[in-house]
Amino acid sequence: MKLLLDENLSRRLVPFLLTAYPGSTQVVLVGLEAVDDAQVWQYAKANDFVIVTQDADFEELSLVKGHPPSVIWIKTTHPSRSTILKILLDQQSLIHEVLINQNQGCIEITQTQS
């Protein structure tokens, strides 16, 4: 499974994700800076990516258009790079189970600070 990080997620995460998610990238790194969500959706679909985002737009697109692509919607009260990285790495098995084995179009991962 390869991830396409939305523009709101740091491209600096990519090198740390490549072992767990080979072929992953971020929208700016593939020339999709400041494009609309529909263009990101089409790119992800055409290139077999799972979109990773922190906003509801892609989850809504998933409901309207179906999948592929699948969407990982991360909701956290502390959206630092390290928090996002930890979520994606710690939840890799769950993400795979839901998106691949259960063939769901979107997984919502919520993390709150305690």
PDB file of N, CA and C in Angstrom:
ATOM      1  N   MET A   1       0.850  -1.167   0.000  1.00  0.00           N
ATOM      2  CA  MET A   1       0.000   0.000   0.000  1.00  0.00           C
ATOM      3  C   MET A   1       0.898   1.234   0.000  1.00  0.00           C
ATOM      4  N   LYS A   2       0.636   2.137  -0.949  1.00  0.00           N
ATOM      5  CA  LYS A   2       1.403   3.376  -0.994  1.00  0.00           C
ATOM      6  C   LYS A   2       0.485   4.547  -0.693  1.00  0.00           C
ATOM      7  N   LEU A   3       1.015   5.493   0.064  1.00  0.00           N
ATOM      8  CA  LEU A   3       0.238   6.615   0.554  1.00  0.00           C
ATOM      9  C   LEU A   3       0.543   7.878  -0.239  1.00  0.00           C
ATOM     10  N   LEU A   4      -0.483   8.690  -0.426  1.00  0.00           N
ATOM     11  CA  LEU A   4      -0.339  10.024  -0.992  1.00  0.00           C
ATOM     12  C   LEU A   4      -0.784  10.999   0.091  1.00  0.00           C
ATOM     13  N   LEU A   5       0.190  11.693   0.681  1.00  0.00           N
ATOM     14  CA  LEU A   5      -0.117  12.632   1.753  1.00  0.00           C
ATOM     15  C   LEU A   5      -0.701  13.905   1.168  1.00  0.00           C
ATOM     16  N   ASP A   6      -1.790  14.358   1.731  1.00  0.00           N
ATOM     17  CA  ASP A   6      -2.434  15.594   1.327  1.00  0.00           C
ATOM     18  C   ASP A   6      -1.483  16.763   1.596  1.00  0.00           C
ATOM     19  N   GLU A   7      -1.780  17.904   0.987  1.00  0.00           N
ATOM     20  CA  GLU A   7      -0.920  19.078   1.123  1.00  0.00           C
ATOM     21  C   GLU A   7      -0.803  19.554   2.567  1.00  0.00           C
ATOM     22  N   ASN A   8      -1.800  19.268   3.399  1.00  0.00           N
ATOM     23  CA  ASN A   8      -1.753  19.708   4.793  1.00  0.00           C
ATOM     24  C   ASN A   8      -0.843  18.842   5.664  1.00  0.00           C
ATOM     25  N   LEU A   9      -0.259  17.796   5.087  1.00  0.00           N
ATOM     26  CA  LEU A   9       0.686  16.940   5.812  1.00  0.00           C
ATOM     27  C   LEU A   9       2.087  17.159   5.250  1.00  0.00           C
ATOM     28  N   SER A  10       3.060  17.197   6.120  1.00  0.00           N
ATOM     29  CA  SER A  10       4.425  17.528   5.725  1.00  0.00           C
ATOM     30  C   SER A  10       5.047  16.494   4.789  1.00  0.00           C
ATOM     31  N   ARG A  11       5.694  17.005   3.744  1.00  0.00           N
ATOM     32  CA  ARG A  11       6.433  16.116   2.836  1.00  0.00           C
ATOM     33  C   ARG A  11       7.647  15.511   3.527  1.00  0.00           C
ATOM     34  N   ARG A  12       8.045  16.072   4.647  1.00  0.00           N
ATOM     35  CA  ARG A  12       9.179  15.532   5.413  1.00  0.00           C
ATOM     36  C   ARG A  12       8.865  14.176   6.041  1.00  0.00           C
ATOM     37  N   LEU A  13       7.601  13.797   6.060  1.00  0.00           N
ATOM     38  CA  LEU A  13       7.208  12.487   6.583  1.00  0.00           C
ATOM     39  C   LEU A  13       7.564  11.352   5.623  1.00  0.00           C
ATOM     40  N   VAL A  14       7.623  11.658   4.342  1.00  0.00           N
ATOM     41  CA  VAL A  14       7.754  10.624   3.315  1.00  0.00           C
ATOM     42  C   VAL A  14       8.928   9.671   3.552  1.00  0.00           C
ATOM     43  N   PRO A  15      10.152  10.157   3.776  1.00  0.00           N
ATOM     44  CA  PRO A  15      11.260   9.206   3.957  1.00  0.00           C
ATOM     45  C   PRO A  15      11.055   8.235   5.125  1.00  0.00           C
ATOM     46  N   PHE A  16      10.347   8.662   6.149  1.00  0.00           N
ATOM     47  CA  PHE A  16      10.120   7.830   7.322  1.00  0.00           C
ATOM     48  C   PHE A  16       9.011   6.798   7.099  1.00  0.00           C
ATOM     49  N   LEU A  17       8.222   6.984   6.048  1.00  0.00           N
ATOM     50  CA  LEU A  17       7.118   6.076   5.748  1.00  0.00           C
ATOM     51  C   LEU A  17       7.471   5.014   4.719  1.00  0.00           C
ATOM     52  N   LEU A  18       8.578   5.185   4.010  1.00  0.00           N
ATOM     53  CA  LEU A  18       8.865   4.334   2.861  1.00  0.00           C
ATOM     54  C   LEU A  18       9.094   2.861   3.190  1.00  0.00           C
ATOM     55  N   THR A  19       9.598   2.551   4.353  1.00  0.00           N
ATOM     56  CA  THR A  19       9.774   1.145   4.716  1.00  0.00           C
ATOM     57  C   THR A  19       8.422   0.471   4.925  1.00  0.00           C
ATOM     58  N   ALA A  20       7.541   1.131   5.636  1.00  0.00           N
ATOM     59  CA  ALA A  20       6.220   0.565   5.924  1.00  0.00           C
ATOM     60  C   ALA A  20       5.262   0.700   4.735  1.00  0.00           C
ATOM     61  N   TYR A  21       5.404   1.777   3.989  1.00  0.00           N
ATOM     62  CA  TYR A  21       4.514   2.074   2.869  1.00  0.00           C
ATOM     63  C   TYR A  21       5.347   2.433   1.632  1.00  0.00           C
ATOM     64  N   PRO A  22       5.969   1.441   0.990  1.00  0.00           N
ATOM     65  CA  PRO A  22       6.845   1.719  -0.166  1.00  0.00           C
ATOM     66  C   PRO A  22       6.097   2.451  -1.283  1.00  0.00           C
ATOM     67  N   GLY A  23       6.782   3.416  -1.878  1.00  0.00           N
ATOM     68  CA  GLY A  23       6.210   4.167  -2.981  1.00  0.00           C
ATOM     69  C   GLY A  23       5.382   5.367  -2.561  1.00  0.00           C
ATOM     70  N   SER A  24       5.317   5.629  -1.273  1.00  0.00           N
ATOM     71  CA  SER A  24       4.524   6.746  -0.773  1.00  0.00           C
ATOM     72  C   SER A  24       5.158   8.085  -1.151  1.00  0.00           C
ATOM     73  N   THR A  25       4.308   9.118  -1.206  1.00  0.00           N
ATOM     74  CA  THR A  25       4.783  10.455  -1.542  1.00  0.00           C
ATOM     75  C   THR A  25       3.805  11.481  -0.976  1.00  0.00           C
ATOM     76  N   GLN A  26       4.030  12.730  -1.315  1.00  0.00           N
ATOM     77  CA  GLN A  26       3.182  13.825  -0.870  1.00  0.00           C
ATOM     78  C   GLN A  26       2.813  14.652  -2.095  1.00  0.00           C
ATOM     79  N   VAL A  27       1.661  15.288  -2.083  1.00  0.00           N
ATOM     80  CA  VAL A  27       1.148  15.948  -3.282  1.00  0.00           C
ATOM     81  C   VAL A  27       2.111  16.964  -3.889  1.00  0.00           C
ATOM     82  N   VAL A  28       2.809  17.727  -3.078  1.00  0.00           N
ATOM     83  CA  VAL A  28       3.753  18.722  -3.598  1.00  0.00           C
ATOM     84  C   VAL A  28       4.888  18.030  -4.354  1.00  0.00           C
ATOM     85  N   LEU A  29       5.305  16.876  -3.881  1.00  0.00           N
ATOM     86  CA  LEU A  29       6.421  16.154  -4.502  1.00  0.00           C
ATOM     87  C   LEU A  29       6.066  15.583  -5.873  1.00  0.00           C
ATOM     88  N   VAL A  30       4.776  15.491  -6.194  1.00  0.00           N
ATOM     89  CA  VAL A  30       4.358  14.990  -7.510  1.00  0.00           C
ATOM     90  C   VAL A  30       3.727  16.097  -8.354  1.00  0.00           C
ATOM     91  N   GLY A  31       3.976  17.350  -7.972  1.00  0.00           N
ATOM     92  CA  GLY A  31       3.520  18.473  -8.779  1.00  0.00           C
ATOM     93  C   GLY A  31       2.067  18.849  -8.616  1.00  0.00           C
ATOM     94  N   LEU A  32       1.458  18.486  -7.497  1.00  0.00           N
ATOM     95  CA  LEU A  32       0.046  18.785  -7.275  1.00  0.00           C
ATOM     96  C   LEU A  32      -0.164  19.867  -6.217  1.00  0.00           C
ATOM     97  N   GLU A  33       0.795  20.766  -6.088  1.00  0.00           N
ATOM     98  CA  GLU A  33       0.681  21.838  -5.109  1.00  0.00           C
ATOM     99  C   GLU A  33      -0.448  22.788  -5.495  1.00  0.00           C
ATOM    100  N   ALA A  34      -1.310  23.103  -4.572  1.00  0.00           N
ATOM    101  CA  ALA A  34      -2.393  24.071  -4.717  1.00  0.00           C
ATOM    102  C   ALA A  34      -3.437  23.666  -5.767  1.00  0.00           C
ATOM    103  N   VAL A  35      -3.579  22.386  -6.047  1.00  0.00           N
ATOM    104  CA  VAL A  35      -4.643  21.940  -6.952  1.00  0.00           C
ATOM    105  C   VAL A  35      -5.874  21.596  -6.119  1.00  0.00           C
ATOM    106  N   ASP A  36      -7.019  21.455  -6.766  1.00  0.00           N
ATOM    107  CA  ASP A  36      -8.217  21.138  -6.008  1.00  0.00           C
ATOM    108  C   ASP A  36      -8.267  19.645  -5.664  1.00  0.00           C
ATOM    109  N   ASP A  37      -9.150  19.324  -4.737  1.00  0.00           N
ATOM    110  CA  ASP A  37      -9.244  17.952  -4.236  1.00  0.00           C
ATOM    111  C   ASP A  37      -9.584  16.953  -5.341  1.00  0.00           C
ATOM    112  N   ALA A  38     -10.380  17.382  -6.308  1.00  0.00           N
ATOM    113  CA  ALA A  38     -10.752  16.478  -7.403  1.00  0.00           C
ATOM    114  C   ALA A  38      -9.524  16.032  -8.204  1.00  0.00           C
ATOM    115  N   GLN A  39      -8.571  16.931  -8.401  1.00  0.00           N
ATOM    116  CA  GLN A  39      -7.354  16.573  -9.130  1.00  0.00           C
ATOM    117  C   GLN A  39      -6.479  15.618  -8.312  1.00  0.00           C
ATOM    118  N   VAL A  40      -6.402  15.843  -7.017  1.00  0.00           N
ATOM    119  CA  VAL A  40      -5.657  14.929  -6.145  1.00  0.00           C
ATOM    120  C   VAL A  40      -6.329  13.561  -6.172  1.00  0.00           C
ATOM    121  N   TRP A  41      -7.657  13.537  -6.111  1.00  0.00           N
ATOM    122  CA  TRP A  41      -8.427  12.292  -6.144  1.00  0.00           C
ATOM    123  C   TRP A  41      -8.123  11.518  -7.425  1.00  0.00           C
ATOM    124  N   GLN A  42      -8.165  12.204  -8.557  1.00  0.00           N
ATOM    125  CA  GLN A  42      -7.908  11.556  -9.844  1.00  0.00           C
ATOM    126  C   GLN A  42      -6.485  11.009  -9.921  1.00  0.00           C
ATOM    127  N   TYR A  43      -5.521  11.776  -9.430  1.00  0.00           N
ATOM    128  CA  TYR A  43      -4.129  11.323  -9.428  1.00  0.00           C
ATOM    129  C   TYR A  43      -3.988  10.066  -8.571  1.00  0.00           C
ATOM    130  N   ALA A  44      -4.571  10.100  -7.381  1.00  0.00           N
ATOM    131  CA  ALA A  44      -4.488   8.942  -6.484  1.00  0.00           C
ATOM    132  C   ALA A  44      -5.134   7.721  -7.120  1.00  0.00           C
ATOM    133  N   LYS A  45      -6.268   7.912  -7.735  1.00  0.00           N
ATOM    134  CA  LYS A  45      -6.976   6.810  -8.378  1.00  0.00           C
ATOM    135  C   LYS A  45      -6.159   6.241  -9.535  1.00  0.00           C
ATOM    136  N   ALA A  46      -5.630   7.102 -10.376  1.00  0.00           N
ATOM    137  CA  ALA A  46      -4.869   6.669 -11.558  1.00  0.00           C
ATOM    138  C   ALA A  46      -3.554   5.996 -11.205  1.00  0.00           C
ATOM    139  N   ASN A  47      -3.013   6.312 -10.017  1.00  0.00           N
ATOM    140  CA  ASN A  47      -1.695   5.814  -9.638  1.00  0.00           C
ATOM    141  C   ASN A  47      -1.721   4.883  -8.432  1.00  0.00           C
ATOM    142  N   ASP A  48      -2.892   4.399  -8.058  1.00  0.00           N
ATOM    143  CA  ASP A  48      -3.054   3.395  -7.009  1.00  0.00           C
ATOM    144  C   ASP A  48      -2.524   3.842  -5.647  1.00  0.00           C
ATOM    145  N   PHE A  49      -2.867   5.074  -5.256  1.00  0.00           N
ATOM    146  CA  PHE A  49      -2.487   5.592  -3.946  1.00  0.00           C
ATOM    147  C   PHE A  49      -3.671   5.553  -2.992  1.00  0.00           C
ATOM    148  N   VAL A  50      -3.378   5.522  -1.706  1.00  0.00           N
ATOM    149  CA  VAL A  50      -4.338   5.760  -0.632  1.00  0.00           C
ATOM    150  C   VAL A  50      -4.080   7.182  -0.162  1.00  0.00           C
ATOM    151  N   ILE A  51      -5.106   8.009  -0.131  1.00  0.00           N
ATOM    152  CA  ILE A  51      -4.959   9.404   0.284  1.00  0.00           C
ATOM    153  C   ILE A  51      -4.957   9.488   1.808  1.00  0.00           C
ATOM    154  N   VAL A  52      -4.005  10.246   2.343  1.00  0.00           N
ATOM    155  CA  VAL A  52      -3.945  10.499   3.791  1.00  0.00           C
ATOM    156  C   VAL A  52      -4.215  11.988   3.993  1.00  0.00           C
ATOM    157  N   THR A  53      -5.171  12.301   4.855  1.00  0.00           N
ATOM    158  CA  THR A  53      -5.589  13.689   5.051  1.00  0.00           C
ATOM    159  C   THR A  53      -5.980  13.945   6.491  1.00  0.00           C
ATOM    160  N   GLN A  54      -6.108  15.230   6.824  1.00  0.00           N
ATOM    161  CA  GLN A  54      -6.595  15.632   8.138  1.00  0.00           C
ATOM    162  C   GLN A  54      -7.918  16.372   8.044  1.00  0.00           C
ATOM    163  N   ASP A  55      -8.493  16.446   6.856  1.00  0.00           N
ATOM    164  CA  ASP A  55      -9.773  17.130   6.731  1.00  0.00           C
ATOM    165  C   ASP A  55     -10.828  16.205   6.129  1.00  0.00           C
ATOM    166  N   ALA A  56     -12.065  16.638   6.213  1.00  0.00           N
ATOM    167  CA  ALA A  56     -13.187  15.785   5.821  1.00  0.00           C
ATOM    168  C   ALA A  56     -13.448  15.742   4.320  1.00  0.00           C
ATOM    169  N   ASP A  57     -12.803  16.586   3.546  1.00  0.00           N
ATOM    170  CA  ASP A  57     -13.110  16.685   2.115  1.00  0.00           C
ATOM    171  C   ASP A  57     -12.965  15.356   1.380  1.00  0.00           C
ATOM    172  N   PHE A  58     -11.880  14.644   1.625  1.00  0.00           N
ATOM    173  CA  PHE A  58     -11.668  13.393   0.901  1.00  0.00           C
ATOM    174  C   PHE A  58     -12.587  12.279   1.407  1.00  0.00           C
ATOM    175  N   GLU A  59     -12.942  12.319   2.674  1.00  0.00           N
ATOM    176  CA  GLU A  59     -13.909  11.351   3.198  1.00  0.00           C
ATOM    177  C   GLU A  59     -15.253  11.564   2.509  1.00  0.00           C
ATOM    178  N   GLU A  60     -15.623  12.825   2.304  1.00  0.00           N
ATOM    179  CA  GLU A  60     -16.867  13.147   1.616  1.00  0.00           C
ATOM    180  C   GLU A  60     -16.813  12.705   0.155  1.00  0.00           C
ATOM    181  N   LEU A  61     -15.674  12.916  -0.507  1.00  0.00           N
ATOM    182  CA  LEU A  61     -15.511  12.440  -1.880  1.00  0.00           C
ATOM    183  C   LEU A  61     -15.655  10.924  -1.949  1.00  0.00           C
ATOM    184  N   SER A  62     -15.116  10.245  -0.951  1.00  0.00           N
ATOM    185  CA  SER A  62     -15.207   8.790  -0.896  1.00  0.00           C
ATOM    186  C   SER A  62     -16.667   8.341  -0.807  1.00  0.00           C
ATOM    187  N   LEU A  63     -17.458   9.051  -0.042  1.00  0.00           N
ATOM    188  CA  LEU A  63     -18.873   8.707   0.083  1.00  0.00           C
ATOM    189  C   LEU A  63     -19.621   8.931  -1.230  1.00  0.00           C
ATOM    190  N   VAL A  64     -19.248   9.976  -1.952  1.00  0.00           N
ATOM    191  CA  VAL A  64     -19.927  10.315  -3.201  1.00  0.00           C
ATOM    192  C   VAL A  64     -19.447   9.455  -4.370  1.00  0.00           C
ATOM    193  N   LYS A  65     -18.123   9.299  -4.487  1.00  0.00           N
ATOM    194  CA  LYS A  65     -17.547   8.641  -5.658  1.00  0.00           C
ATOM    195  C   LYS A  65     -17.205   7.172  -5.447  1.00  0.00           C
ATOM    196  N   GLY A  66     -17.213   6.722  -4.194  1.00  0.00           N
ATOM    197  CA  GLY A  66     -16.774   5.361  -3.916  1.00  0.00           C
ATOM    198  C   GLY A  66     -15.255   5.270  -3.960  1.00  0.00           C
ATOM    199  N   HIS A  67     -14.756   4.074  -3.996  1.00  0.00           N
ATOM    200  CA  HIS A  67     -13.307   3.913  -4.054  1.00  0.00           C
ATOM    201  C   HIS A  67     -12.947   2.874  -5.094  1.00  0.00           C
ATOM    202  N   PRO A  68     -11.760   2.880  -5.650  1.00  0.00           N
ATOM    203  CA  PRO A  68     -10.582   3.624  -5.221  1.00  0.00           C
ATOM    204  C   PRO A  68     -10.667   5.102  -5.609  1.00  0.00           C
ATOM    205  N   PRO A  69      -9.812   5.913  -5.023  1.00  0.00           N
ATOM    206  CA  PRO A  69      -8.841   5.559  -4.000  1.00  0.00           C
ATOM    207  C   PRO A  69      -9.475   5.481  -2.623  1.00  0.00           C
ATOM    208  N   SER A  70      -8.793   4.804  -1.737  1.00  0.00           N
ATOM    209  CA  SER A  70      -9.208   4.762  -0.343  1.00  0.00           C
ATOM    210  C   SER A  70      -8.632   5.979   0.371  1.00  0.00           C
ATOM    211  N   VAL A  71      -9.170   6.254   1.555  1.00  0.00           N
ATOM    212  CA  VAL A  71      -8.784   7.443   2.310  1.00  0.00           C
ATOM    213  C   VAL A  71      -8.473   7.075   3.755  1.00  0.00           C
ATOM    214  N   ILE A  72      -7.381   7.618   4.262  1.00  0.00           N
ATOM    215  CA  ILE A  72      -7.070   7.561   5.691  1.00  0.00           C
ATOM    216  C   ILE A  72      -7.285   8.981   6.217  1.00  0.00           C
ATOM    217  N   TRP A  73      -8.296   9.130   7.070  1.00  0.00           N
ATOM    218  CA  TRP A  73      -8.634  10.441   7.630  1.00  0.00           C
ATOM    219  C   TRP A  73      -8.131  10.466   9.068  1.00  0.00           C
ATOM    220  N   ILE A  74      -7.098  11.261   9.311  1.00  0.00           N
ATOM    221  CA  ILE A  74      -6.497  11.349  10.645  1.00  0.00           C
ATOM    222  C   ILE A  74      -7.061  12.561  11.366  1.00  0.00           C
ATOM    223  N   LYS A  75      -7.648  12.280  12.518  1.00  0.00           N
ATOM    224  CA  LYS A  75      -8.193  13.338  13.361  1.00  0.00           C
ATOM    225  C   LYS A  75      -7.440  13.297  14.684  1.00  0.00           C
ATOM    226  N   THR A  76      -6.709  14.360  14.952  1.00  0.00           N
ATOM    227  CA  THR A  76      -5.922  14.400  16.174  1.00  0.00           C
ATOM    228  C   THR A  76      -5.922  15.808  16.743  1.00  0.00           C
ATOM    229  N   THR A  77      -5.821  15.894  18.055  1.00  0.00           N
ATOM    230  CA  THR A  77      -5.758  17.198  18.709  1.00  0.00           C
ATOM    231  C   THR A  77      -4.343  17.762  18.692  1.00  0.00           C
ATOM    232  N   HIS A  78      -3.381  16.950  18.294  1.00  0.00           N
ATOM    233  CA  HIS A  78      -1.980  17.381  18.266  1.00  0.00           C
ATOM    234  C   HIS A  78      -1.356  16.930  16.933  1.00  0.00           C
ATOM    235  N   PRO A  79      -1.619  17.665  15.840  1.00  0.00           N
ATOM    236  CA  PRO A  79      -1.214  17.196  14.509  1.00  0.00           C
ATOM    237  C   PRO A  79       0.246  17.478  14.128  1.00  0.00           C
ATOM    238  N   SER A  80       1.166  17.203  15.006  1.00  0.00           N
ATOM    239  CA  SER A  80       2.579  17.393  14.678  1.00  0.00           C
ATOM    240  C   SER A  80       3.034  16.299  13.715  1.00  0.00           C
ATOM    241  N   ARG A  81       4.174  16.530  13.071  1.00  0.00           N
ATOM    242  CA  ARG A  81       4.718  15.511  12.174  1.00  0.00           C
ATOM    243  C   ARG A  81       4.950  14.204  12.908  1.00  0.00           C
ATOM    244  N   SER A  82       5.491  14.283  14.105  1.00  0.00           N
ATOM    245  CA  SER A  82       5.790  13.055  14.846  1.00  0.00           C
ATOM    246  C   SER A  82       4.504  12.305  15.229  1.00  0.00           C
ATOM    247  N   THR A  83       3.445  13.027  15.551  1.00  0.00           N
ATOM    248  CA  THR A  83       2.177  12.389  15.882  1.00  0.00           C
ATOM    249  C   THR A  83       1.593  11.686  14.658  1.00  0.00           C
ATOM    250  N   ILE A  84       1.597  12.358  13.521  1.00  0.00           N
ATOM    251  CA  ILE A  84       1.076  11.763  12.285  1.00  0.00           C
ATOM    252  C   ILE A  84       1.883  10.523  11.918  1.00  0.00           C
ATOM    253  N   LEU A  85       3.198  10.627  11.991  1.00  0.00           N
ATOM    254  CA  LEU A  85       4.061   9.491  11.689  1.00  0.00           C
ATOM    255  C   LEU A  85       3.778   8.325  12.620  1.00  0.00           C
ATOM    256  N   LYS A  86       3.668   8.597  13.897  1.00  0.00           N
ATOM    257  CA  LYS A  86       3.397   7.537  14.876  1.00  0.00           C
ATOM    258  C   LYS A  86       2.058   6.861  14.585  1.00  0.00           C
ATOM    259  N   ILE A  87       1.046   7.639  14.264  1.00  0.00           N
ATOM    260  CA  ILE A  87      -0.268   7.068  13.947  1.00  0.00           C
ATOM    261  C   ILE A  87      -0.171   6.143  12.741  1.00  0.00           C
ATOM    262  N   LEU A  88       0.447   6.613  11.673  1.00  0.00           N
ATOM    263  CA  LEU A  88       0.524   5.807  10.447  1.00  0.00           C
ATOM    264  C   LEU A  88       1.329   4.528  10.635  1.00  0.00           C
ATOM    265  N   LEU A  89       2.377   4.605  11.429  1.00  0.00           N
ATOM    266  CA  LEU A  89       3.192   3.410  11.660  1.00  0.00           C
ATOM    267  C   LEU A  89       2.542   2.466  12.673  1.00  0.00           C
ATOM    268  N   ASP A  90       2.033   3.011  13.777  1.00  0.00           N
ATOM    269  CA  ASP A  90       1.415   2.176  14.810  1.00  0.00           C
ATOM    270  C   ASP A  90       0.119   1.512  14.333  1.00  0.00           C
ATOM    271  N   GLN A  91      -0.593   2.163  13.432  1.00  0.00           N
ATOM    272  CA  GLN A  91      -1.888   1.658  12.977  1.00  0.00           C
ATOM    273  C   GLN A  91      -1.807   0.944  11.622  1.00  0.00           C
ATOM    274  N   GLN A  92      -0.612   0.619  11.171  1.00  0.00           N
ATOM    275  CA  GLN A  92      -0.432   0.012   9.853  1.00  0.00           C
ATOM    276  C   GLN A  92      -1.271  -1.262   9.682  1.00  0.00           C
ATOM    277  N   SER A  93      -1.272  -2.130  10.660  1.00  0.00           N
ATOM    278  CA  SER A  93      -2.051  -3.374  10.554  1.00  0.00           C
ATOM    279  C   SER A  93      -3.545  -3.091  10.466  1.00  0.00           C
ATOM    280  N   LEU A  94      -4.043  -2.184  11.290  1.00  0.00           N
ATOM    281  CA  LEU A  94      -5.453  -1.819  11.264  1.00  0.00           C
ATOM    282  C   LEU A  94      -5.826  -1.183   9.923  1.00  0.00           C
ATOM    283  N   ILE A  95      -4.981  -0.290   9.436  1.00  0.00           N
ATOM    284  CA  ILE A  95      -5.224   0.364   8.142  1.00  0.00           C
ATOM    285  C   ILE A  95      -5.321  -0.684   7.041  1.00  0.00           C
ATOM    286  N   HIS A  96      -4.393  -1.605   7.022  1.00  0.00           N
ATOM    287  CA  HIS A  96      -4.400  -2.663   6.010  1.00  0.00           C
ATOM    288  C   HIS A  96      -5.657  -3.523   6.135  1.00  0.00           C
ATOM    289  N   GLU A  97      -6.005  -3.887   7.341  1.00  0.00           N
ATOM    290  CA  GLU A  97      -7.189  -4.721   7.579  1.00  0.00           C
ATOM    291  C   GLU A  97      -8.454  -4.040   7.053  1.00  0.00           C
ATOM    292  N   VAL A  98      -8.641  -2.784   7.394  1.00  0.00           N
ATOM    293  CA  VAL A  98      -9.865  -2.073   7.022  1.00  0.00           C
ATOM    294  C   VAL A  98      -9.907  -1.764   5.525  1.00  0.00           C
ATOM    295  N   LEU A  99      -8.815  -1.232   4.984  1.00  0.00           N
ATOM    296  CA  LEU A  99      -8.840  -0.797   3.584  1.00  0.00           C
ATOM    297  C   LEU A  99      -8.665  -1.939   2.593  1.00  0.00           C
ATOM    298  N   ILE A 100      -7.861  -2.921   2.920  1.00  0.00           N
ATOM    299  CA  ILE A 100      -7.597  -4.012   1.982  1.00  0.00           C
ATOM    300  C   ILE A 100      -8.485  -5.219   2.276  1.00  0.00           C
ATOM    301  N   ASN A 101      -8.378  -5.781   3.450  1.00  0.00           N
ATOM    302  CA  ASN A 101      -9.113  -7.005   3.760  1.00  0.00           C
ATOM    303  C   ASN A 101     -10.629  -6.791   3.835  1.00  0.00           C
ATOM    304  N   GLN A 102     -11.051  -5.664   4.420  1.00  0.00           N
ATOM    305  CA  GLN A 102     -12.484  -5.384   4.530  1.00  0.00           C
ATOM    306  C   GLN A 102     -13.004  -4.552   3.354  1.00  0.00           C
ATOM    307  N   ASN A 103     -12.090  -4.113   2.489  1.00  0.00           N
ATOM    308  CA  ASN A 103     -12.429  -3.355   1.275  1.00  0.00           C
ATOM    309  C   ASN A 103     -13.268  -2.106   1.561  1.00  0.00           C
ATOM    310  N   GLN A 104     -12.929  -1.411   2.639  1.00  0.00           N
ATOM    311  CA  GLN A 104     -13.618  -0.163   2.973  1.00  0.00           C
ATOM    312  C   GLN A 104     -12.963   0.999   2.223  1.00  0.00           C
ATOM    313  N   GLY A 105     -13.723   2.026   1.960  1.00  0.00           N
ATOM    314  CA  GLY A 105     -13.204   3.178   1.228  1.00  0.00           C
ATOM    315  C   GLY A 105     -12.504   4.195   2.090  1.00  0.00           C
ATOM    316  N   CYS A 106     -12.792   4.184   3.387  1.00  0.00           N
ATOM    317  CA  CYS A 106     -12.210   5.197   4.271  1.00  0.00           C
ATOM    318  C   CYS A 106     -12.037   4.617   5.667  1.00  0.00           C
ATOM    319  N   ILE A 107     -10.928   4.990   6.284  1.00  0.00           N
ATOM    320  CA  ILE A 107     -10.725   4.685   7.693  1.00  0.00           C
ATOM    321  C   ILE A 107     -10.469   6.002   8.411  1.00  0.00           C
ATOM    322  N   GLU A 108     -11.183   6.210   9.498  1.00  0.00           N
ATOM    323  CA  GLU A 108     -11.025   7.399  10.321  1.00  0.00           C
ATOM    324  C   GLU A 108     -10.250   6.996  11.564  1.00  0.00           C
ATOM    325  N   ILE A 109      -9.118   7.669  11.771  1.00  0.00           N
ATOM    326  CA  ILE A 109      -8.308   7.374  12.945  1.00  0.00           C
ATOM    327  C   ILE A 109      -8.307   8.620  13.819  1.00  0.00           C
ATOM    328  N   THR A 110      -8.841   8.481  15.006  1.00  0.00           N
ATOM    329  CA  THR A 110      -8.955   9.603  15.938  1.00  0.00           C
ATOM    330  C   THR A 110      -8.006   9.378  17.106  1.00  0.00           C
ATOM    331  N   GLN A 111      -7.252  10.418  17.414  1.00  0.00           N
ATOM    332  CA  GLN A 111      -6.360  10.357  18.575  1.00  0.00           C
ATOM    333  C   GLN A 111      -6.483  11.657  19.326  1.00  0.00           C
ATOM    334  N   THR A 112      -6.696  11.565  20.624  1.00  0.00           N
ATOM    335  CA  THR A 112      -6.785  12.747  21.456  1.00  0.00           C
ATOM    336  C   THR A 112      -5.666  12.727  22.477  1.00  0.00           C
ATOM    337  N   GLN A 113      -5.267  13.881  22.895  1.00  0.00           N
ATOM    338  CA  GLN A 113      -4.258  13.999  23.957  1.00  0.00           C
ATOM    339  C   GLN A 113      -4.922  13.701  25.289  1.00  0.00           C
ATOM    340  N   SER A 114      -4.208  12.960  26.136  1.00  0.00           N
ATOM    341  CA  SER A 114      -4.765  12.717  27.463  1.00  0.00           C
ATOM    342  C   SER A 114      -4.063  13.513  28.505  1.00  0.00           C
TER     343      SER A 114
END
